[in-house]
C-alpha atoms as a PDB file:
ATOM      1  CA  UNK A   1    -160.816 -21.278 -61.603  1.00  0.00           C
ATOM      2  CA  UNK A   2    -159.391 -24.294 -62.814  1.00  0.00           C
ATOM      3  CA  UNK A   3    -155.710 -24.929 -61.409  1.00  0.00           C
ATOM      4  CA  UNK A   4    -153.331 -25.517 -64.005  1.00  0.00           C
ATOM      5  CA  UNK A   5    -149.770 -27.500 -63.190  1.00  0.00           C
ATOM      6  CA  UNK A   6    -147.945 -24.278 -64.230  1.00  0.00           C
ATOM      7  CA  UNK A   7    -150.047 -22.298 -61.384  1.00  0.00           C
ATOM      8  CA  UNK A   8    -147.546 -21.699 -58.050  1.00  0.00           C
ATOM      9  CA  UNK A   9    -150.219 -22.606 -55.476  1.00  0.00           C
ATOM     10  CA  UNK A  10    -153.081 -25.021 -56.896  1.00  0.00           C
ATOM     11  CA  UNK A  11    -156.971 -23.993 -56.082  1.00  0.00           C
ATOM     12  CA  UNK A  12    -156.804 -26.784 -54.212  1.00  0.00           C
ATOM     13  CA  UNK A  13    -156.431 -26.394 -49.907  1.00  0.00           C
ATOM     14  CA  UNK A  14    -154.546 -28.195 -47.659  1.00  0.00           C
ATOM     15  CA  UNK A  15    -157.419 -30.698 -47.020  1.00  0.00           C
ATOM     16  CA  UNK A  16    -158.184 -31.123 -50.635  1.00  0.00           C
ATOM     17  CA  UNK A  17    -154.647 -31.910 -51.107  1.00  0.00           C
ATOM     18  CA  UNK A  18    -155.245 -34.924 -48.402  1.00  0.00           C
ATOM     19  CA  UNK A  19    -158.706 -35.976 -50.009  1.00  0.00           C
ATOM     20  CA  UNK A  20    -156.694 -36.001 -52.960  1.00  0.00           C
ATOM     21  CA  UNK A  21    -153.605 -38.514 -52.375  1.00  0.00           C
ATOM     22  CA  UNK A  22    -156.362 -40.748 -50.438  1.00  0.00           C
ATOM     23  CA  UNK A  23    -158.347 -41.237 -53.672  1.00  0.00           C
ATOM     24  CA  UNK A  24    -155.473 -41.885 -55.511  1.00  0.00           C
ATOM     25  CA  UNK A  25    -153.615 -44.478 -53.329  1.00  0.00           C
ATOM     26  CA  UNK A  26    -150.507 -41.904 -52.069  1.00  0.00           C
ATOM     27  CA  UNK A  27    -151.923 -41.966 -48.714  1.00  0.00           C
ATOM     28  CA  UNK A  28    -153.448 -45.318 -47.130  1.00  0.00           C
ATOM     29  CA  UNK A  29    -155.309 -42.698 -43.770  1.00  0.00           C
ATOM     30  CA  UNK A  30    -152.056 -42.137 -42.009  1.00  0.00           C
ATOM     31  CA  UNK A  31    -150.984 -45.554 -41.506  1.00  0.00           C
ATOM     32  CA  UNK A  32    -147.896 -45.425 -43.478  1.00  0.00           C
ATOM     33  CA  UNK A  33    -145.270 -43.334 -41.008  1.00  0.00           C
ATOM     34  CA  UNK A  34    -144.257 -39.936 -42.346  1.00  0.00           C
ATOM     35  CA  UNK A  35    -147.058 -39.378 -45.247  1.00  0.00           C
ATOM     36  CA  UNK A  36    -148.611 -36.520 -42.868  1.00  0.00           C
ATOM     37  CA  UNK A  37    -145.307 -34.806 -42.714  1.00  0.00           C
ATOM     38  CA  UNK A  38    -145.038 -35.380 -46.714  1.00  0.00           C
ATOM     39  CA  UNK A  39    -148.316 -33.550 -47.135  1.00  0.00           C
ATOM     40  CA  UNK A  40    -147.348 -30.944 -44.558  1.00  0.00           C
ATOM     41  CA  UNK A  41    -143.875 -30.200 -46.686  1.00  0.00           C
ATOM     42  CA  UNK A  42    -146.098 -30.954 -49.730  1.00  0.00           C
ATOM     43  CA  UNK A  43    -148.598 -27.658 -48.806  1.00  0.00           C
ATOM     44  CA  UNK A  44    -146.185 -25.847 -47.034  1.00  0.00           C
ATOM     45  CA  UNK A  45    -143.608 -25.813 -50.723  1.00  0.00           C
ATOM     46  CA  UNK A  46    -147.124 -24.174 -52.041  1.00  0.00           C
ATOM     47  CA  UNK A  47    -147.080 -21.305 -49.787  1.00  0.00           C
ATOM     48  CA  UNK A  48    -143.863 -20.300 -50.252  1.00  0.00           C
ATOM     49  CA  UNK A  49    -144.311 -20.064 -54.291  1.00  0.00           C
ATOM     50  CA  UNK A  50    -148.105 -18.429 -54.127  1.00  0.00           C
ATOM     51  CA  UNK A  51    -147.826 -16.114 -50.327  1.00  0.00           C
ATOM     52  CA  UNK A  52    -143.677 -14.633 -51.796  1.00  0.00           C
ATOM     53  CA  UNK A  53    -143.943 -11.281 -50.588  1.00  0.00           C
ATOM     54  CA  UNK A  54    -146.749 -11.995 -47.310  1.00  0.00           C
ATOM     55  CA  UNK A  55    -143.687 -14.171 -46.075  1.00  0.00           C
ATOM     56  CA  UNK A  56    -141.119 -11.964 -46.281  1.00  0.00           C
ATOM     57  CA  UNK A  57    -142.909  -9.326 -44.159  1.00  0.00           C
ATOM     58  CA  UNK A  58    -143.912 -11.333 -41.670  1.00  0.00           C
ATOM     59  CA  UNK A  59    -140.227 -12.659 -41.426  1.00  0.00           C
ATOM     60  CA  UNK A  60    -138.612  -9.381 -41.263  1.00  0.00           C
ATOM     61  CA  UNK A  61    -141.304  -8.645 -38.756  1.00  0.00           C
ATOM     62  CA  UNK A  62    -140.611 -11.443 -36.648  1.00  0.00           C
ATOM     63  CA  UNK A  63    -136.503 -11.429 -37.099  1.00  0.00           C
ATOM     64  CA  UNK A  64    -137.112  -7.128 -35.784  1.00  0.00           C
ATOM     65  CA  UNK A  65    -139.483  -8.793 -32.620  1.00  0.00           C
ATOM     66  CA  UNK A  66    -136.738 -10.546 -31.686  1.00  0.00           C
ATOM     67  CA  UNK A  67    -134.238  -8.517 -31.763  1.00  0.00           C
ATOM     68  CA  UNK A  68    -135.736  -6.431 -29.622  1.00  0.00           C
ATOM     69  CA  UNK A  69    -137.379  -9.041 -27.152  1.00  0.00           C
ATOM     70  CA  UNK A  70    -135.474 -11.799 -27.907  1.00  0.00           C
ATOM     71  CA  UNK A  71    -138.856 -14.085 -27.132  1.00  0.00           C
ATOM     72  CA  UNK A  72    -142.148 -13.630 -29.269  1.00  0.00           C
ATOM     73  CA  UNK A  73    -145.291 -15.444 -31.235  1.00  0.00           C
ATOM     74  CA  UNK A  74    -147.096 -15.219 -34.401  1.00  0.00           C
ATOM     75  CA  UNK A  75    -149.574 -13.379 -32.687  1.00  0.00           C
ATOM     76  CA  UNK A  76    -147.441 -10.661 -32.445  1.00  0.00           C
ATOM     77  CA  UNK A  77    -146.149 -11.399 -35.383  1.00  0.00           C
ATOM     78  CA  UNK A  78    -150.269 -10.536 -36.722  1.00  0.00           C
ATOM     79  CA  UNK A  79    -150.064  -8.037 -34.476  1.00  0.00           C
ATOM     80  CA  UNK A  80    -146.727  -5.811 -36.091  1.00  0.00           C
ATOM     81  CA  UNK A  81    -148.346  -6.947 -40.021  1.00  0.00           C
ATOM     82  CA  UNK A  82    -151.377  -5.024 -38.568  1.00  0.00           C
ATOM     83  CA  UNK A  83    -153.487  -8.006 -39.466  1.00  0.00           C
ATOM     84  CA  UNK A  84    -157.118  -8.708 -39.094  1.00  0.00           C
ATOM     85  CA  UNK A  85    -158.252 -11.706 -36.971  1.00  0.00           C
ATOM     86  CA  UNK A  86    -159.826 -12.205 -40.310  1.00  0.00           C
ATOM     87  CA  UNK A  87    -157.295 -12.077 -42.839  1.00  0.00           C
ATOM     88  CA  UNK A  88    -156.459 -15.291 -44.399  1.00  0.00           C
ATOM     89  CA  UNK A  89    -153.130 -16.157 -43.086  1.00  0.00           C
ATOM     90  CA  UNK A  90    -152.106 -19.964 -43.491  1.00  0.00           C
ATOM     91  CA  UNK A  91    -148.862 -18.574 -44.852  1.00  0.00           C
ATOM     92  CA  UNK A  92    -147.294 -18.136 -41.493  1.00  0.00           C
ATOM     93  CA  UNK A  93    -146.344 -20.968 -41.270  1.00  0.00           C
ATOM     94  CA  UNK A  94    -144.863 -21.013 -43.539  1.00  0.00           C
ATOM     95  CA  UNK A  95    -142.019 -17.773 -43.065  1.00  0.00           C
ATOM     96  CA  UNK A  96    -141.676 -19.174 -39.551  1.00  0.00           C
ATOM     97  CA  UNK A  97    -140.025 -22.822 -40.782  1.00  0.00           C
ATOM     98  CA  UNK A  98    -137.706 -21.217 -42.983  1.00  0.00           C
ATOM     99  CA  UNK A  99    -136.589 -19.088 -40.341  1.00  0.00           C
ATOM    100  CA  UNK A 100    -136.413 -22.187 -38.303  1.00  0.00           C
ATOM    101  CA  UNK A 101    -134.604 -24.459 -40.392  1.00  0.00           C
ATOM    102  CA  UNK A 102    -132.309 -21.422 -41.170  1.00  0.00           C
ATOM    103  CA  UNK A 103    -131.113 -21.399 -37.570  1.00  0.00           C
ATOM    104  CA  UNK A 104    -132.136 -17.739 -36.422  1.00  0.00           C
ATOM    105  CA  UNK A 105    -135.526 -18.737 -34.534  1.00  0.00           C
ATOM    106  CA  UNK A 106    -136.041 -21.916 -31.947  1.00  0.00           C
ATOM    107  CA  UNK A 107    -138.719 -23.281 -30.559  1.00  0.00           C
ATOM    108  CA  UNK A 108    -139.387 -21.313 -26.339  1.00  0.00           C
ATOM    109  CA  UNK A 109    -142.419 -23.423 -25.617  1.00  0.00           C
ATOM    110  CA  UNK A 110    -146.756 -23.064 -25.280  1.00  0.00           C
ATOM    111  CA  UNK A 111    -148.487 -19.913 -24.340  1.00  0.00           C
ATOM    112  CA  UNK A 112    -151.809 -19.507 -24.749  1.00  0.00           C
ATOM    113  CA  UNK A 113    -153.229 -17.333 -27.622  1.00  0.00           C
ATOM    114  CA  UNK A 114    -153.907 -13.484 -26.983  1.00  0.00           C
ATOM    115  CA  UNK A 115    -156.576 -13.081 -30.185  1.00  0.00           C
ATOM    116  CA  UNK A 116    -160.370 -13.534 -28.882  1.00  0.00           C
ATOM    117  CA  UNK A 117    -160.891 -15.750 -32.218  1.00  0.00           C
ATOM    118  CA  UNK A 118    -158.292 -18.082 -30.848  1.00  0.00           C
ATOM    119  CA  UNK A 119    -160.679 -18.573 -27.438  1.00  0.00           C
ATOM    120  CA  UNK A 120    -156.714 -19.315 -25.608  1.00  0.00           C
ATOM    121  CA  UNK A 121    -155.593 -21.740 -27.725  1.00  0.00           C
ATOM    122  CA  UNK A 122    -151.976 -23.090 -27.598  1.00  0.00           C
ATOM    123  CA  UNK A 123    -149.626 -21.298 -29.778  1.00  0.00           C
ATOM    124  CA  UNK A 124    -145.360 -22.184 -30.325  1.00  0.00           C
ATOM    125  CA  UNK A 125    -143.461 -19.059 -28.167  1.00  0.00           C
ATOM    126  CA  UNK A 126    -140.612 -18.151 -30.287  1.00  0.00           C
ATOM    127  CA  UNK A 127    -136.554 -17.397 -29.466  1.00  0.00           C
ATOM    128  CA  UNK A 128    -134.083 -15.645 -30.960  1.00  0.00           C
ATOM    129  CA  UNK A 129    -131.688 -18.579 -31.747  1.00  0.00           C
ATOM    130  CA  UNK A 130    -128.334 -16.582 -33.415  1.00  0.00           C
ATOM    131  CA  UNK A 131    -128.259 -12.963 -33.058  1.00  0.00           C
ATOM    132  CA  UNK A 132    -125.906 -12.559 -35.721  1.00  0.00           C
ATOM    133  CA  UNK A 133    -128.003 -14.821 -37.853  1.00  0.00           C
ATOM    134  CA  UNK A 134    -130.545 -12.694 -37.833  1.00  0.00           C
ATOM    135  CA  UNK A 135    -128.215  -8.880 -38.210  1.00  0.00           C
ATOM    136  CA  UNK A 136    -127.155 -10.932 -40.774  1.00  0.00           C
ATOM    137  CA  UNK A 137    -130.467 -12.050 -42.145  1.00  0.00           C
ATOM    138  CA  UNK A 138    -131.559  -8.648 -41.919  1.00  0.00           C
ATOM    139  CA  UNK A 139    -128.682  -7.404 -43.512  1.00  0.00           C
ATOM    140  CA  UNK A 140    -128.396  -8.719 -46.721  1.00  0.00           C
ATOM    141  CA  UNK A 141    -132.733  -9.114 -47.203  1.00  0.00           C
ATOM    142  CA  UNK A 142    -132.847 -12.344 -47.238  1.00  0.00           C
ATOM    143  CA  UNK A 143    -135.644 -14.036 -48.358  1.00  0.00           C
ATOM    144  CA  UNK A 144    -137.153 -10.755 -49.749  1.00  0.00           C
ATOM    145  CA  UNK A 145    -134.279 -10.687 -52.802  1.00  0.00           C
ATOM    146  CA  UNK A 146    -135.958 -13.588 -54.324  1.00  0.00           C
ATOM    147  CA  UNK A 147    -139.139 -11.749 -53.976  1.00  0.00           C
ATOM    148  CA  UNK A 148    -141.426 -11.488 -56.978  1.00  0.00           C
ATOM    149  CA  UNK A 149    -143.021  -7.590 -57.202  1.00  0.00           C
ATOM    150  CA  UNK A 150    -146.744  -9.063 -57.500  1.00  0.00           C
ATOM    151  CA  UNK A 151    -147.562  -7.547 -61.127  1.00  0.00           C
ATOM    152  CA  UNK A 152    -149.239  -4.081 -59.776  1.00  0.00           C
ATOM    153  CA  UNK A 153    -151.724  -5.575 -57.738  1.00  0.00           C
ATOM    154  CA  UNK A 154    -149.618  -3.915 -54.428  1.00  0.00           C
ATOM    155  CA  UNK A 155    -147.763  -5.541 -51.516  1.00  0.00           C
ATOM    156  CA  UNK A 156    -150.600  -7.094 -48.793  1.00  0.00           C
ATOM    157  CA  UNK A 157    -149.891  -4.852 -46.395  1.00  0.00           C
ATOM    158  CA  UNK A 158    -149.919  -1.642 -48.276  1.00  0.00           C
ATOM    159  CA  UNK A 159    -146.633   0.640 -49.184  1.00  0.00           C
ATOM    160  CA  UNK A 160    -142.732  -0.188 -47.963  1.00  0.00           C
ATOM    161  CA  UNK A 161    -141.734  -3.880 -47.581  1.00  0.00           C
ATOM    162  CA  UNK A 162    -141.500  -3.203 -43.357  1.00  0.00           C
END
């Protein structure tokens, strides 16, 4: 399906967005400082628009895990959502970024991934930065109030939002 300007997520991937910007001259191959960050923000914005429901579910799972444990990784969030190793989850980074910008979580170092398909690569460990903000965020259903229902396709994880 061809992408149109009105679609919230273009058919193109992040790599295609980078390739396009290289062709149109807006990317000089990474020589301009900050260009990579700009492209990352474009991709994350597109992911947030396309996967709003899934992102909200992941955020709620992460906040709950952090309230219970104090620290967690994205592997823990994947397990809480019962995501398979083959599930397409590029949107998980957008979920974490929003919580970090809101001051609810903070980066707490790196650990090896526990998922076999990740081959023990380093992943971020996250810690609760503000318990009061986390509780308030959960109470107010932050991230869920603006979640559009997906036109009858159902929630990705089936049933009610966790």
